[in-house]
């Protein structure tokens, strides 16, 4: 049943999240030849943005893919992504993976793409008592789960980019 699949996926991703990995810390698939110029353009721009971190080519590829390989849109997205994280540390730092927040939410990726080719992530509250809901914890769970899923999907993004 879907409930059983969700529980198995949640346990799997909770274990992954306990490792506390950051997307692409350990690299990933090589950048496809036809995307190297785009990656180089973004990397060149990044070198002049002192307030932004220098990220891996695979991370740049993920941003490019999510922006339909528009270099200018990718630059804007990278800037926004890291600026929001820097300005709201209460949501993006000190993730306590053993806290109650993980017991309150069920998060799972659907293993197959939609007929249109989209990946779907499911989120739901395991605890539905509104007095126990903490919006900030929900956002933390959502963002940390997304980071983990992005890391796991990086090789798919890099290898499928040539077919888009």
Protein backbone atom coordinates (compact mmCIF):
# COMPACT_ATOMS: atom_id res chain seq x y z
CA UNK A 1 0.00 0.00 0.00
CA UNK A 2 0.98 3.64 -0.35
CA UNK A 3 1.12 3.94 3.44
CA UNK A 4 3.71 1.14 3.65
CA UNK A 5 5.78 2.62 0.80
CA UNK A 6 5.70 6.01 2.52
CA UNK A 7 6.86 4.54 5.82
CA UNK A 8 9.72 2.67 4.16
CA UNK A 9 10.79 5.75 2.21
CA UNK A 10 10.62 7.94 5.32
CA UNK A 11 12.81 5.52 7.27
CA UNK A 12 15.28 5.39 4.39
CA UNK A 13 15.51 9.17 4.10
CA UNK A 14 15.65 9.67 7.85
CA UNK A 15 18.75 7.43 7.85
CA UNK A 16 20.25 9.42 5.00
CA UNK A 17 19.50 12.69 6.77
CA UNK A 18 21.19 11.49 9.93
CA UNK A 19 24.43 11.41 7.95
CA UNK A 20 23.93 15.17 7.63
CA UNK A 21 25.27 15.34 4.10
CA UNK A 22 25.15 18.51 2.07
CA UNK A 23 24.20 18.15 -1.59
CA UNK A 24 27.12 17.10 -3.76
CA UNK A 25 29.67 17.06 -0.96
CA UNK A 26 31.15 13.92 -2.48
CA UNK A 27 30.92 14.97 -6.11
CA UNK A 28 28.70 13.26 -8.61
CA UNK A 29 28.44 12.35 -12.25
CA UNK A 30 30.71 14.18 -14.70
CA UNK A 31 29.26 17.17 -16.55
CA UNK A 32 28.06 16.21 -20.05
CA UNK A 33 30.20 17.69 -22.85
CA UNK A 34 27.32 19.70 -24.28
CA UNK A 35 26.84 21.50 -20.92
CA UNK A 36 30.47 22.33 -20.10
CA UNK A 37 30.24 25.85 -21.58
CA UNK A 38 27.15 26.63 -19.50
CA UNK A 39 28.83 25.35 -16.34
CA UNK A 40 31.98 27.36 -17.15
CA UNK A 41 29.91 30.54 -17.64
CA UNK A 42 28.20 30.10 -14.27
CA UNK A 43 31.50 29.21 -12.57
CA UNK A 44 33.15 32.34 -14.03
CA UNK A 45 30.31 34.48 -12.69
CA UNK A 46 30.49 32.77 -9.29
CA UNK A 47 34.18 33.62 -8.93
CA UNK A 48 33.23 37.31 -8.88
CA UNK A 49 30.46 36.89 -6.29
CA UNK A 50 32.39 37.07 -3.01
CA UNK A 51 29.26 36.51 -0.91
CA UNK A 52 28.38 33.21 -2.60
CA UNK A 53 30.06 29.85 -1.97
CA UNK A 54 32.03 28.12 -4.70
CA UNK A 55 29.95 25.06 -5.53
CA UNK A 56 30.67 21.89 -7.49
CA UNK A 57 30.00 21.48 -11.19
CA UNK A 58 27.28 18.95 -10.35
CA UNK A 59 25.53 21.49 -8.14
CA UNK A 60 25.74 24.05 -10.96
CA UNK A 61 24.28 21.41 -13.31
CA UNK A 62 21.32 20.93 -10.99
CA UNK A 63 20.64 24.68 -10.99
CA UNK A 64 21.02 24.79 -14.78
CA UNK A 65 18.63 21.87 -15.21
CA UNK A 66 16.01 23.48 -12.97
CA UNK A 67 16.24 26.66 -15.06
CA UNK A 68 15.96 24.90 -18.43
CA UNK A 69 19.66 25.60 -19.07
CA UNK A 70 19.30 29.38 -19.07
CA UNK A 71 22.60 30.68 -17.70
CA UNK A 72 21.11 34.05 -16.65
CA UNK A 73 18.17 32.46 -14.82
CA UNK A 74 20.60 30.03 -13.19
CA UNK A 75 22.72 32.89 -11.86
CA UNK A 76 19.63 34.54 -10.40
CA UNK A 77 18.47 31.28 -8.82
CA UNK A 78 21.87 30.55 -7.26
CA UNK A 79 22.01 34.08 -5.86
CA UNK A 80 18.49 33.81 -4.41
CA UNK A 81 19.04 30.29 -3.08
CA UNK A 82 22.12 31.15 -1.05
CA UNK A 83 20.93 34.62 -0.04
CA UNK A 84 17.70 33.25 1.46
CA UNK A 85 19.68 30.59 3.32
CA UNK A 86 22.10 33.18 4.69
CA UNK A 87 19.31 35.51 5.79
CA UNK A 88 17.20 32.83 7.50
CA UNK A 89 19.64 30.64 9.46
CA UNK A 90 16.83 29.55 11.77
CA UNK A 91 15.48 27.46 8.87
CA UNK A 92 18.71 26.23 7.32
CA UNK A 93 21.15 25.57 10.13
CA UNK A 94 21.21 23.49 13.28
CA UNK A 95 18.96 20.81 11.89
CA UNK A 96 18.38 18.44 14.78
CA UNK A 97 17.63 15.13 13.10
CA UNK A 98 16.70 13.47 16.38
CA UNK A 99 14.09 16.05 17.31
CA UNK A 100 10.35 15.76 17.41
CA UNK A 101 10.09 17.49 14.02
CA UNK A 102 10.86 14.24 12.21
CA UNK A 103 8.19 12.37 14.11
CA UNK A 104 5.60 14.96 13.07
CA UNK A 105 6.07 14.71 9.29
CA UNK A 106 6.17 12.01 6.67
CA UNK A 107 8.27 12.79 3.62
CA UNK A 108 8.89 10.53 0.64
CA UNK A 109 9.82 10.74 -3.03
CA UNK A 110 7.64 8.80 -5.45
CA UNK A 111 10.00 6.31 -7.13
CA UNK A 112 8.68 6.86 -10.67
CA UNK A 113 8.31 10.02 -12.73
CA UNK A 114 4.90 11.28 -13.83
CA UNK A 115 3.90 10.67 -17.47
CA UNK A 116 5.12 14.23 -18.14
CA UNK A 117 8.54 13.38 -16.70
CA UNK A 118 8.28 15.16 -13.34
CA UNK A 119 9.63 13.90 -10.02
CA UNK A 120 7.12 14.09 -7.15
CA UNK A 121 7.91 14.49 -3.47
CA UNK A 122 5.17 13.76 -0.95
CA UNK A 123 4.88 15.58 2.35
CA UNK A 124 2.26 15.12 4.99
CA UNK A 125 1.77 15.71 8.66
CA UNK A 126 1.90 12.56 10.75
CA UNK A 127 0.59 14.48 13.74
CA UNK A 128 -2.58 16.36 12.82
CA UNK A 129 -3.28 18.01 16.18
CA UNK A 130 -2.91 21.72 15.36
CA UNK A 131 -1.64 22.49 18.86
CA UNK A 132 1.41 20.32 18.14
CA UNK A 133 2.16 21.81 14.73
CA UNK A 134 5.23 24.03 14.52
CA UNK A 135 5.44 25.82 11.18
CA UNK A 136 9.17 26.50 11.51
CA UNK A 137 9.88 22.81 12.21
CA UNK A 138 7.77 21.91 9.18
CA UNK A 139 9.83 24.21 6.98
CA UNK A 140 13.06 22.81 8.39
CA UNK A 141 11.93 19.26 7.66
CA UNK A 142 10.84 20.27 4.16
CA UNK A 143 14.11 22.04 3.30
CA UNK A 144 16.42 19.40 4.73
CA UNK A 145 14.48 16.65 2.97
CA UNK A 146 14.69 18.56 -0.31
CA UNK A 147 18.46 18.95 0.10
CA UNK A 148 18.80 15.22 0.63
CA UNK A 149 16.62 14.37 -2.36
CA UNK A 150 18.55 16.83 -4.54
CA UNK A 151 21.76 15.08 -3.62
CA UNK A 152 20.32 11.67 -4.45
CA UNK A 153 18.91 12.89 -7.76
CA UNK A 154 22.10 14.66 -8.88
CA UNK A 155 23.36 11.79 -11.01
CA UNK A 156 19.99 11.52 -12.72
CA UNK A 157 20.03 15.26 -13.46
CA UNK A 158 23.55 15.17 -14.86
CA UNK A 159 23.05 12.09 -17.00
CA UNK A 160 19.63 13.07 -18.36
CA UNK A 161 20.53 16.67 -19.19
CA UNK A 162 21.64 15.78 -22.68
CA UNK A 163 18.16 14.52 -23.53
CA UNK A 164 16.37 17.77 -22.62
